[in-house]
Amino acid sequence: MPSYFVYMMSNASRTVLYTGVTNSLLARVVQHREGRASAFTRRYNCNRLVYFETFRDVANAIRREKEIKGWRREKKNDLVMAQNPRWTDLSGSVLGFGSTPKGKWVDR
């Protein structure tokens, strides 16, 4: 069964958050880290995965992405803090090295 991901990337100073949706978190994280993602993430150097959720249904993932994008920055920060209080870069976990990802599985 396919999986879809809503994810948040940040820069080293945590001043910028980018929210996106993808069907391959691994490939998308690599794109962000190599500067091959959106112009926005290249411009602001958003190359640290700080949050993600997993969905079974693409429509629900897209709805969640839009919901999060509509939030104020403080609410987005709270979401990251609830799962990743130190804002650790979770990319290593997704790329196959480091600790277990702390993403959230949402059965929708």
PDB file of N, CA and C in Angstrom:
ATOM      1  N   MET A   1       0.851  -1.181   0.000  1.00  0.00           N
ATOM      2  CA  MET A   1       0.000   0.000   0.000  1.00  0.00           C
ATOM      3  C   MET A   1       0.897   1.245   0.000  1.00  0.00           C
ATOM      4  N   PRO A   2       0.604   2.200  -0.871  1.00  0.00           N
ATOM      5  CA  PRO A   2       1.446   3.404  -0.935  1.00  0.00           C
ATOM      6  C   PRO A   2       1.337   4.246   0.329  1.00  0.00           C
ATOM      7  N   SER A   3       2.388   4.996   0.565  1.00  0.00           N
ATOM      8  CA  SER A   3       2.412   5.946   1.677  1.00  0.00           C
ATOM      9  C   SER A   3       2.664   7.336   1.129  1.00  0.00           C
ATOM     10  N   TYR A   4       2.109   8.313   1.801  1.00  0.00           N
ATOM     11  CA  TYR A   4       2.294   9.718   1.451  1.00  0.00           C
ATOM     12  C   TYR A   4       2.736  10.438   2.707  1.00  0.00           C
ATOM     13  N   PHE A   5       3.521  11.463   2.522  1.00  0.00           N
ATOM     14  CA  PHE A   5       4.129  12.144   3.656  1.00  0.00           C
ATOM     15  C   PHE A   5       3.879  13.640   3.594  1.00  0.00           C
ATOM     16  N   VAL A   6       3.504  14.206   4.723  1.00  0.00           N
ATOM     17  CA  VAL A   6       3.525  15.650   4.920  1.00  0.00           C
ATOM     18  C   VAL A   6       4.753  15.896   5.776  1.00  0.00           C
ATOM     19  N   TYR A   7       5.580  16.826   5.356  1.00  0.00           N
ATOM     20  CA  TYR A   7       6.858  17.018   6.039  1.00  0.00           C
ATOM     21  C   TYR A   7       7.167  18.504   6.184  1.00  0.00           C
ATOM     22  N   MET A   8       8.062  18.801   7.114  1.00  0.00           N
ATOM     23  CA  MET A   8       8.513  20.175   7.325  1.00  0.00           C
ATOM     24  C   MET A   8      10.035  20.190   7.327  1.00  0.00           C
ATOM     25  N   MET A   9      10.580  21.105   6.547  1.00  0.00           N
ATOM     26  CA  MET A   9      12.022  21.318   6.468  1.00  0.00           C
ATOM     27  C   MET A   9      12.321  22.682   7.076  1.00  0.00           C
ATOM     28  N   SER A  10      13.497  22.820   7.662  1.00  0.00           N
ATOM     29  CA  SER A  10      13.915  24.097   8.234  1.00  0.00           C
ATOM     30  C   SER A  10      15.376  24.344   7.882  1.00  0.00           C
ATOM     31  N   ASN A  11      15.823  25.552   8.173  1.00  0.00           N
ATOM     32  CA  ASN A  11      17.236  25.886   7.975  1.00  0.00           C
ATOM     33  C   ASN A  11      17.971  25.722   9.304  1.00  0.00           C
ATOM     34  N   ALA A  12      19.276  25.926   9.288  1.00  0.00           N
ATOM     35  CA  ALA A  12      20.102  25.700  10.483  1.00  0.00           C
ATOM     36  C   ALA A  12      19.691  26.592  11.645  1.00  0.00           C
ATOM     37  N   SER A  13      19.267  27.807  11.352  1.00  0.00           N
ATOM     38  CA  SER A  13      18.903  28.741  12.423  1.00  0.00           C
ATOM     39  C   SER A  13      17.425  28.661  12.805  1.00  0.00           C
ATOM     40  N   ARG A  14      16.685  27.763  12.161  1.00  0.00           N
ATOM     41  CA  ARG A  14      15.259  27.541  12.459  1.00  0.00           C
ATOM     42  C   ARG A  14      14.400  28.771  12.204  1.00  0.00           C
ATOM     43  N   THR A  15      14.815  29.641  11.331  1.00  0.00           N
ATOM     44  CA  THR A  15      14.052  30.861  11.059  1.00  0.00           C
ATOM     45  C   THR A  15      13.029  30.672   9.953  1.00  0.00           C
ATOM     46  N   VAL A  16      13.155  29.592   9.183  1.00  0.00           N
ATOM     47  CA  VAL A  16      12.255  29.349   8.056  1.00  0.00           C
ATOM     48  C   VAL A  16      11.732  27.921   8.148  1.00  0.00           C
ATOM     49  N   LEU A  17      10.449  27.760   7.866  1.00  0.00           N
ATOM     50  CA  LEU A  17       9.841  26.431   7.793  1.00  0.00           C
ATOM     51  C   LEU A  17       9.195  26.263   6.426  1.00  0.00           C
ATOM     52  N   TYR A  18       9.431  25.135   5.817  1.00  0.00           N
ATOM     53  CA  TYR A  18       8.801  24.786   4.548  1.00  0.00           C
ATOM     54  C   TYR A  18       7.970  23.533   4.779  1.00  0.00           C
ATOM     55  N   THR A  19       6.722  23.554   4.341  1.00  0.00           N
ATOM     56  CA  THR A  19       5.836  22.404   4.472  1.00  0.00           C
ATOM     57  C   THR A  19       5.536  21.858   3.091  1.00  0.00           C
ATOM     58  N   GLY A  20       5.647  20.547   2.936  1.00  0.00           N
ATOM     59  CA  GLY A  20       5.385  19.929   1.643  1.00  0.00           C
ATOM     60  C   GLY A  20       4.726  18.573   1.795  1.00  0.00           C
ATOM     61  N   VAL A  21       4.373  17.987   0.649  1.00  0.00           N
ATOM     62  CA  VAL A  21       3.781  16.652   0.605  1.00  0.00           C
ATOM     63  C   VAL A  21       4.503  15.868  -0.491  1.00  0.00           C
ATOM     64  N   THR A  22       4.696  14.580  -0.261  1.00  0.00           N
ATOM     65  CA  THR A  22       5.403  13.740  -1.226  1.00  0.00           C
ATOM     66  C   THR A  22       4.997  12.287  -1.051  1.00  0.00           C
ATOM     67  N   ASN A  23       5.251  11.493  -2.078  1.00  0.00           N
ATOM     68  CA  ASN A  23       5.022  10.050  -1.954  1.00  0.00           C
ATOM     69  C   ASN A  23       6.331   9.305  -1.696  1.00  0.00           C
ATOM     70  N   SER A  24       7.450  10.035  -1.672  1.00  0.00           N
ATOM     71  CA  SER A  24       8.745   9.425  -1.363  1.00  0.00           C
ATOM     72  C   SER A  24       9.545  10.383  -0.488  1.00  0.00           C
ATOM     73  N   LEU A  25       9.442  10.199   0.802  1.00  0.00           N
ATOM     74  CA  LEU A  25      10.139  11.094   1.725  1.00  0.00           C
ATOM     75  C   LEU A  25      11.647  11.010   1.522  1.00  0.00           C
ATOM     76  N   LEU A  26      12.148   9.827   1.290  1.00  0.00           N
ATOM     77  CA  LEU A  26      13.583   9.646   1.068  1.00  0.00           C
ATOM     78  C   LEU A  26      14.062  10.483  -0.121  1.00  0.00           C
ATOM     79  N   ALA A  27      13.416  10.335  -1.263  1.00  0.00           N
ATOM     80  CA  ALA A  27      13.828  11.075  -2.461  1.00  0.00           C
ATOM     81  C   ALA A  27      13.689  12.576  -2.257  1.00  0.00           C
ATOM     82  N   ARG A  28      12.615  12.987  -1.608  1.00  0.00           N
ATOM     83  CA  ARG A  28      12.385  14.427  -1.420  1.00  0.00           C
ATOM     84  C   ARG A  28      13.414  15.032  -0.470  1.00  0.00           C
ATOM     85  N   VAL A  29      13.755  14.333   0.591  1.00  0.00           N
ATOM     86  CA  VAL A  29      14.779  14.833   1.518  1.00  0.00           C
ATOM     87  C   VAL A  29      16.111  14.982   0.788  1.00  0.00           C
ATOM     88  N   VAL A  30      16.455  14.003  -0.036  1.00  0.00           N
ATOM     89  CA  VAL A  30      17.696  14.094  -0.811  1.00  0.00           C
ATOM     90  C   VAL A  30      17.657  15.320  -1.716  1.00  0.00           C
ATOM     91  N   GLN A  31      16.531  15.561  -2.379  1.00  0.00           N
ATOM     92  CA  GLN A  31      16.400  16.743  -3.240  1.00  0.00           C
ATOM     93  C   GLN A  31      16.617  18.023  -2.448  1.00  0.00           C
ATOM     94  N   HIS A  32      16.003  18.116  -1.288  1.00  0.00           N
ATOM     95  CA  HIS A  32      16.178  19.311  -0.456  1.00  0.00           C
ATOM     96  C   HIS A  32      17.632  19.464  -0.029  1.00  0.00           C
ATOM     97  N   ARG A  33      18.244  18.393   0.408  1.00  0.00           N
ATOM     98  CA  ARG A  33      19.626  18.463   0.904  1.00  0.00           C
ATOM     99  C   ARG A  33      20.617  18.803  -0.202  1.00  0.00           C
ATOM    100  N   GLU A  34      20.301  18.419  -1.428  1.00  0.00           N
ATOM    101  CA  GLU A  34      21.193  18.699  -2.552  1.00  0.00           C
ATOM    102  C   GLU A  34      20.832  19.988  -3.283  1.00  0.00           C
ATOM    103  N   GLY A  35      19.827  20.717  -2.794  1.00  0.00           N
ATOM    104  CA  GLY A  35      19.439  21.978  -3.420  1.00  0.00           C
ATOM    105  C   GLY A  35      18.676  21.810  -4.720  1.00  0.00           C
ATOM    106  N   ARG A  36      18.056  20.646  -4.917  1.00  0.00           N
ATOM    107  CA  ARG A  36      17.302  20.383  -6.142  1.00  0.00           C
ATOM    108  C   ARG A  36      15.794  20.444  -5.918  1.00  0.00           C
ATOM    109  N   ALA A  37      15.367  20.989  -4.804  1.00  0.00           N
ATOM    110  CA  ALA A  37      13.936  21.087  -4.509  1.00  0.00           C
ATOM    111  C   ALA A  37      13.432  22.452  -4.981  1.00  0.00           C
ATOM    112  N   SER A  38      12.440  22.987  -4.329  1.00  0.00           N
ATOM    113  CA  SER A  38      11.837  24.250  -4.752  1.00  0.00           C
ATOM    114  C   SER A  38      12.812  25.418  -4.618  1.00  0.00           C
ATOM    115  N   ALA A  39      12.541  26.461  -5.379  1.00  0.00           N
ATOM    116  CA  ALA A  39      13.361  27.679  -5.311  1.00  0.00           C
ATOM    117  C   ALA A  39      13.333  28.257  -3.896  1.00  0.00           C
ATOM    118  N   PHE A  40      12.197  28.151  -3.229  1.00  0.00           N
ATOM    119  CA  PHE A  40      12.067  28.667  -1.867  1.00  0.00           C
ATOM    120  C   PHE A  40      13.054  27.975  -0.932  1.00  0.00           C
ATOM    121  N   THR A  41      13.098  26.650  -0.988  1.00  0.00           N
ATOM    122  CA  THR A  41      13.984  25.932  -0.066  1.00  0.00           C
ATOM    123  C   THR A  41      15.451  26.133  -0.424  1.00  0.00           C
ATOM    124  N   ARG A  42      15.747  26.319  -1.707  1.00  0.00           N
ATOM    125  CA  ARG A  42      17.134  26.641  -2.091  1.00  0.00           C
ATOM    126  C   ARG A  42      17.519  28.015  -1.563  1.00  0.00           C
ATOM    127  N   ARG A  43      16.623  28.970  -1.739  1.00  0.00           N
ATOM    128  CA  ARG A  43      16.907  30.348  -1.314  1.00  0.00           C
ATOM    129  C   ARG A  43      17.169  30.436   0.184  1.00  0.00           C
ATOM    130  N   TYR A  44      16.363  29.722   0.969  1.00  0.00           N
ATOM    131  CA  TYR A  44      16.469  29.809   2.424  1.00  0.00           C
ATOM    132  C   TYR A  44      17.220  28.629   3.043  1.00  0.00           C
ATOM    133  N   ASN A  45      17.812  27.799   2.210  1.00  0.00           N
ATOM    134  CA  ASN A  45      18.633  26.676   2.667  1.00  0.00           C
ATOM    135  C   ASN A  45      17.887  25.759   3.653  1.00  0.00           C
ATOM    136  N   CYS A  46      16.657  25.434   3.313  1.00  0.00           N
ATOM    137  CA  CYS A  46      15.849  24.525   4.143  1.00  0.00           C
ATOM    138  C   CYS A  46      16.252  23.089   3.813  1.00  0.00           C
ATOM    139  N   ASN A  47      17.223  22.583   4.537  1.00  0.00           N
ATOM    140  CA  ASN A  47      17.754  21.257   4.240  1.00  0.00           C
ATOM    141  C   ASN A  47      17.721  20.320   5.442  1.00  0.00           C
ATOM    142  N   ARG A  48      16.971  20.675   6.463  1.00  0.00           N
ATOM    143  CA  ARG A  48      16.867  19.849   7.668  1.00  0.00           C
ATOM    144  C   ARG A  48      15.417  19.395   7.851  1.00  0.00           C
ATOM    145  N   LEU A  49      15.227  18.093   7.849  1.00  0.00           N
ATOM    146  CA  LEU A  49      13.901  17.526   8.079  1.00  0.00           C
ATOM    147  C   LEU A  49      13.617  17.580   9.573  1.00  0.00           C
ATOM    148  N   VAL A  50      12.587  18.324   9.961  1.00  0.00           N
ATOM    149  CA  VAL A  50      12.294  18.467  11.389  1.00  0.00           C
ATOM    150  C   VAL A  50      10.971  17.825  11.802  1.00  0.00           C
ATOM    151  N   TYR A  51      10.138  17.441  10.817  1.00  0.00           N
ATOM    152  CA  TYR A  51       8.834  16.873  11.160  1.00  0.00           C
ATOM    153  C   TYR A  51       8.278  16.142   9.942  1.00  0.00           C
ATOM    154  N   PHE A  52       7.566  15.044  10.193  1.00  0.00           N
ATOM    155  CA  PHE A  52       6.788  14.430   9.123  1.00  0.00           C
ATOM    156  C   PHE A  52       5.661  13.592   9.688  1.00  0.00           C
ATOM    157  N   GLU A  53       4.639  13.418   8.870  1.00  0.00           N
ATOM    158  CA  GLU A  53       3.506  12.547   9.150  1.00  0.00           C
ATOM    159  C   GLU A  53       3.339  11.633   7.944  1.00  0.00           C
ATOM    160  N   THR A  54       2.818  10.445   8.162  1.00  0.00           N
ATOM    161  CA  THR A  54       2.609   9.480   7.089  1.00  0.00           C
ATOM    162  C   THR A  54       1.117   9.209   6.933  1.00  0.00           C
ATOM    163  N   PHE A  55       0.670   9.142   5.681  1.00  0.00           N
ATOM    164  CA  PHE A  55      -0.733   8.909   5.359  1.00  0.00           C
ATOM    165  C   PHE A  55      -0.851   7.779   4.347  1.00  0.00           C
ATOM    166  N   ARG A  56      -1.961   7.086   4.370  1.00  0.00           N
ATOM    167  CA  ARG A  56      -2.248   6.064   3.356  1.00  0.00           C
ATOM    168  C   ARG A  56      -2.972   6.666   2.162  1.00  0.00           C
ATOM    169  N   ASP A  57      -3.680   7.756   2.385  1.00  0.00           N
ATOM    170  CA  ASP A  57      -4.508   8.361   1.343  1.00  0.00           C
ATOM    171  C   ASP A  57      -3.921   9.702   0.921  1.00  0.00           C
ATOM    172  N   VAL A  58      -3.670   9.871  -0.366  1.00  0.00           N
ATOM    173  CA  VAL A  58      -3.043  11.094  -0.859  1.00  0.00           C
ATOM    174  C   VAL A  58      -3.925  12.321  -0.618  1.00  0.00           C
ATOM    175  N   ALA A  59      -5.239  12.176  -0.747  1.00  0.00           N
ATOM    176  CA  ALA A  59      -6.130  13.322  -0.540  1.00  0.00           C
ATOM    177  C   ALA A  59      -6.036  13.829   0.897  1.00  0.00           C
ATOM    178  N   ASN A  60      -5.953  12.917   1.847  1.00  0.00           N
ATOM    179  CA  ASN A  60      -5.811  13.329   3.247  1.00  0.00           C
ATOM    180  C   ASN A  60      -4.465  13.991   3.498  1.00  0.00           C
ATOM    181  N   ALA A  61      -3.430  13.498   2.853  1.00  0.00           N
ATOM    182  CA  ALA A  61      -2.106  14.113   3.001  1.00  0.00           C
ATOM    183  C   ALA A  61      -2.119  15.538   2.456  1.00  0.00           C
ATOM    184  N   ILE A  62      -2.726  15.727   1.302  1.00  0.00           N
ATOM    185  CA  ILE A  62      -2.800  17.066   0.705  1.00  0.00           C
ATOM    186  C   ILE A  62      -3.624  17.999   1.580  1.00  0.00           C
ATOM    187  N   ARG A  63      -4.739  17.498   2.105  1.00  0.00           N
ATOM    188  CA  ARG A  63      -5.558  18.315   3.019  1.00  0.00           C
ATOM    189  C   ARG A  63      -4.750  18.743   4.240  1.00  0.00           C
ATOM    190  N   ARG A  64      -3.995  17.812   4.801  1.00  0.00           N
ATOM    191  CA  ARG A  64      -3.183  18.122   5.988  1.00  0.00           C
ATOM    192  C   ARG A  64      -2.098  19.147   5.652  1.00  0.00           C
ATOM    193  N   GLU A  65      -1.455  18.997   4.505  1.00  0.00           N
ATOM    194  CA  GLU A  65      -0.443  19.971   4.083  1.00  0.00           C
ATOM    195  C   GLU A  65      -1.055  21.368   4.006  1.00  0.00           C
ATOM    196  N   LYS A  66      -2.213  21.476   3.375  1.00  0.00           N
ATOM    197  CA  LYS A  66      -2.875  22.782   3.248  1.00  0.00           C
ATOM    198  C   LYS A  66      -3.267  23.330   4.615  1.00  0.00           C
ATOM    199  N   GLU A  67      -3.730  22.447   5.497  1.00  0.00           N
ATOM    200  CA  GLU A  67      -4.088  22.869   6.852  1.00  0.00           C
ATOM    201  C   GLU A  67      -2.873  23.474   7.555  1.00  0.00           C
ATOM    202  N   ILE A  68      -1.763  22.765   7.545  1.00  0.00           N
ATOM    203  CA  ILE A  68      -0.549  23.243   8.218  1.00  0.00           C
ATOM    204  C   ILE A  68      -0.050  24.529   7.579  1.00  0.00           C
ATOM    205  N   LYS A  69      -0.083  24.605   6.255  1.00  0.00           N
ATOM    206  CA  LYS A  69       0.376  25.820   5.568  1.00  0.00           C
ATOM    207  C   LYS A  69      -0.455  27.038   5.964  1.00  0.00           C
ATOM    208  N   GLY A  70      -1.703  26.817   6.358  1.00  0.00           N
ATOM    209  CA  GLY A  70      -2.573  27.915   6.762  1.00  0.00           C
ATOM    210  C   GLY A  70      -2.355  28.392   8.193  1.00  0.00           C
ATOM    211  N   TRP A  71      -1.568  27.660   8.952  1.00  0.00           N
ATOM    212  CA  TRP A  71      -1.328  28.005  10.352  1.00  0.00           C
ATOM    213  C   TRP A  71      -0.325  29.134  10.494  1.00  0.00           C
ATOM    214  N   ARG A  72      -0.433  29.819  11.628  1.00  0.00           N
ATOM    215  CA  ARG A  72       0.583  30.800  12.009  1.00  0.00           C
ATOM    216  C   ARG A  72       1.860  30.054  12.403  1.00  0.00           C
ATOM    217  N   ARG A  73       2.954  30.765  12.352  1.00  0.00           N
ATOM    218  CA  ARG A  73       4.257  30.158  12.641  1.00  0.00           C
ATOM    219  C   ARG A  73       4.299  29.521  14.034  1.00  0.00           C
ATOM    220  N   GLU A  74       3.707  30.173  15.014  1.00  0.00           N
ATOM    221  CA  GLU A  74       3.735  29.653  16.386  1.00  0.00           C
ATOM    222  C   GLU A  74       3.099  28.260  16.473  1.00  0.00           C
ATOM    223  N   LYS A  75       1.994  28.068  15.775  1.00  0.00           N
ATOM    224  CA  LYS A  75       1.315  26.770  15.801  1.00  0.00           C
ATOM    225  C   LYS A  75       2.162  25.701  15.095  1.00  0.00           C
ATOM    226  N   LYS A  76       2.835  26.081  14.018  1.00  0.00           N
ATOM    227  CA  LYS A  76       3.744  25.146  13.340  1.00  0.00           C
ATOM    228  C   LYS A  76       4.898  24.763  14.267  1.00  0.00           C
ATOM    229  N   ASN A  77       5.436  25.749  14.964  1.00  0.00           N
ATOM    230  CA  ASN A  77       6.510  25.472  15.927  1.00  0.00           C
ATOM    231  C   ASN A  77       6.043  24.477  16.981  1.00  0.00           C
ATOM    232  N   ASP A  78       4.826  24.672  17.490  1.00  0.00           N
ATOM    233  CA  ASP A  78       4.277  23.768  18.505  1.00  0.00           C
ATOM    234  C   ASP A  78       4.164  22.337  17.968  1.00  0.00           C
ATOM    235  N   LEU A  79       3.772  22.202  16.703  1.00  0.00           N
ATOM    236  CA  LEU A  79       3.658  20.882  16.096  1.00  0.00           C
ATOM    237  C   LEU A  79       5.024  20.198  16.039  1.00  0.00           C
ATOM    238  N   VAL A  80       6.031  20.924  15.599  1.00  0.00           N
ATOM    239  CA  VAL A  80       7.386  20.364  15.551  1.00  0.00           C
ATOM    240  C   VAL A  80       7.843  20.001  16.960  1.00  0.00           C
ATOM    241  N   MET A  81       7.642  20.913  17.907  1.00  0.00           N
ATOM    242  CA  MET A  81       8.104  20.703  19.284  1.00  0.00           C
ATOM    243  C   MET A  81       7.460  19.472  19.925  1.00  0.00           C
ATOM    244  N   ALA A  82       6.215  19.180  19.575  1.00  0.00           N
ATOM    245  CA  ALA A  82       5.520  18.030  20.165  1.00  0.00           C
ATOM    246  C   ALA A  82       6.188  16.710  19.772  1.00  0.00           C
ATOM    247  N   GLN A  83       6.740  16.617  18.581  1.00  0.00           N
ATOM    248  CA  GLN A  83       7.370  15.386  18.101  1.00  0.00           C
ATOM    249  C   GLN A  83       8.891  15.435  18.138  1.00  0.00           C
ATOM    250  N   ASN A  84       9.443  16.648  18.058  1.00  0.00           N
ATOM    251  CA  ASN A  84      10.891  16.804  17.909  1.00  0.00           C
ATOM    252  C   ASN A  84      11.338  18.042  18.694  1.00  0.00           C
ATOM    253  N   PRO A  85      11.306  17.983  20.022  1.00  0.00           N
ATOM    254  CA  PRO A  85      11.536  19.168  20.855  1.00  0.00           C
ATOM    255  C   PRO A  85      12.896  19.831  20.667  1.00  0.00           C
ATOM    256  N   ARG A  86      13.872  19.090  20.202  1.00  0.00           N
ATOM    257  CA  ARG A  86      15.206  19.683  19.990  1.00  0.00           C
ATOM    258  C   ARG A  86      15.424  20.107  18.542  1.00  0.00           C
ATOM    259  N   TRP A  87      14.397  19.964  17.731  1.00  0.00           N
ATOM    260  CA  TRP A  87      14.482  20.299  16.308  1.00  0.00           C
ATOM    261  C   TRP A  87      15.648  19.560  15.653  1.00  0.00           C
ATOM    262  N   THR A  88      15.835  18.313  16.052  1.00  0.00           N
ATOM    263  CA  THR A  88      16.887  17.479  15.488  1.00  0.00           C
ATOM    264  C   THR A  88      16.609  17.242  14.007  1.00  0.00           C
ATOM    265  N   ASP A  89      17.651  17.234  13.204  1.00  0.00           N
ATOM    266  CA  ASP A  89      17.503  16.910  11.788  1.00  0.00           C
ATOM    267  C   ASP A  89      17.217  15.416  11.670  1.00  0.00           C
ATOM    268  N   LEU A  90      16.034  15.067  11.198  1.00  0.00           N
ATOM    269  CA  LEU A  90      15.615  13.674  11.078  1.00  0.00           C
ATOM    270  C   LEU A  90      16.057  13.049   9.757  1.00  0.00           C
ATOM    271  N   SER A  91      16.756  13.811   8.937  1.00  0.00           N
ATOM    272  CA  SER A  91      17.176  13.316   7.621  1.00  0.00           C
ATOM    273  C   SER A  91      17.982  12.035   7.722  1.00  0.00           C
ATOM    274  N   GLY A  92      18.870  11.947   8.692  1.00  0.00           N
ATOM    275  CA  GLY A  92      19.693  10.752   8.840  1.00  0.00           C
ATOM    276  C   GLY A  92      18.864   9.506   9.023  1.00  0.00           C
ATOM    277  N   SER A  93      17.797   9.613   9.771  1.00  0.00           N
ATOM    278  CA  SER A  93      16.917   8.474   9.994  1.00  0.00           C
ATOM    279  C   SER A  93      16.243   8.052   8.700  1.00  0.00           C
ATOM    280  N   VAL A  94      15.800   9.023   7.934  1.00  0.00           N
ATOM    281  CA  VAL A  94      15.106   8.741   6.682  1.00  0.00           C
ATOM    282  C   VAL A  94      16.077   8.187   5.641  1.00  0.00           C
ATOM    283  N   LEU A  95      17.307   8.686   5.661  1.00  0.00           N
ATOM    284  CA  LEU A  95      18.309   8.259   4.684  1.00  0.00           C
ATOM    285  C   LEU A  95      18.993   6.951   5.071  1.00  0.00           C
ATOM    286  N   GLY A  96      18.667   6.427   6.260  1.00  0.00           N
ATOM    287  CA  GLY A  96      19.179   5.118   6.635  1.00  0.00           C
ATOM    288  C   GLY A  96      20.339   5.126   7.603  1.00  0.00           C
ATOM    289  N   PHE A  97      20.629   6.265   8.194  1.00  0.00           N
ATOM    290  CA  PHE A  97      21.638   6.304   9.247  1.00  0.00           C
ATOM    291  C   PHE A  97      21.113   7.180  10.360  1.00  0.00           C
ATOM    292  N   GLY A  98      21.577   6.977  11.558  1.00  0.00           N
ATOM    293  CA  GLY A  98      21.075   7.747  12.693  1.00  0.00           C
ATOM    294  C   GLY A  98      19.982   6.995  13.419  1.00  0.00           C
ATOM    295  N   SER A  99      19.267   7.706  14.266  1.00  0.00           N
ATOM    296  CA  SER A  99      18.253   7.084  15.110  1.00  0.00           C
ATOM    297  C   SER A  99      16.951   6.871  14.347  1.00  0.00           C
ATOM    298  N   THR A 100      16.017   6.218  14.984  1.00  0.00           N
ATOM    299  CA  THR A 100      14.707   5.959  14.401  1.00  0.00           C
ATOM    300  C   THR A 100      13.953   7.263  14.200  1.00  0.00           C
ATOM    301  N   PRO A 101      13.277   7.440  13.059  1.00  0.00           N
ATOM    302  CA  PRO A 101      12.517   8.668  12.829  1.00  0.00           C
ATOM    303  C   PRO A 101      11.440   8.863  13.883  1.00  0.00           C
ATOM    304  N   LYS A 102      11.176  10.106  14.188  1.00  0.00           N
ATOM    305  CA  LYS A 102      10.162  10.418  15.178  1.00  0.00           C
ATOM    306  C   LYS A 102       8.915  10.969  14.496  1.00  0.00           C
ATOM    307  N   GLY A 103       8.702  10.588  13.253  1.00  0.00           N
ATOM    308  CA  GLY A 103       7.528  11.049  12.532  1.00  0.00           C
ATOM    309  C   GLY A 103       6.261  10.449  13.107  1.00  0.00           C
ATOM    310  N   LYS A 104       5.165  10.915  12.623  1.00  0.00           N
ATOM    311  CA  LYS A 104       3.870  10.522  13.152  1.00  0.00           C
ATOM    312  C   LYS A 104       3.111   9.741  12.083  1.00  0.00           C
ATOM    313  N   TRP A 105       2.645   8.545  12.418  1.00  0.00           N
ATOM    314  CA  TRP A 105       1.821   7.767  11.500  1.00  0.00           C
ATOM    315  C   TRP A 105       0.372   8.142  11.721  1.00  0.00           C
ATOM    316  N   VAL A 106      -0.288   8.563  10.666  1.00  0.00           N
ATOM    317  CA  VAL A 106      -1.696   8.924  10.728  1.00  0.00           C
ATOM    318  C   VAL A 106      -2.442   7.971   9.814  1.00  0.00           C
ATOM    319  N   ASP A 107      -3.320   7.172  10.350  1.00  0.00           N
ATOM    320  CA  ASP A 107      -4.050   6.178   9.568  1.00  0.00           C
ATOM    321  C   ASP A 107      -5.300   6.819   8.992  1.00  0.00           C
ATOM    322  N   ARG A 108      -5.131   7.472   7.856  1.00  0.00           N
ATOM    323  CA  ARG A 108      -6.271   8.163   7.225  1.00  0.00           C
ATOM    324  C   ARG A 108      -6.357   7.802   5.772  1.00  0.00           C
TER     325      ARG A 108
END
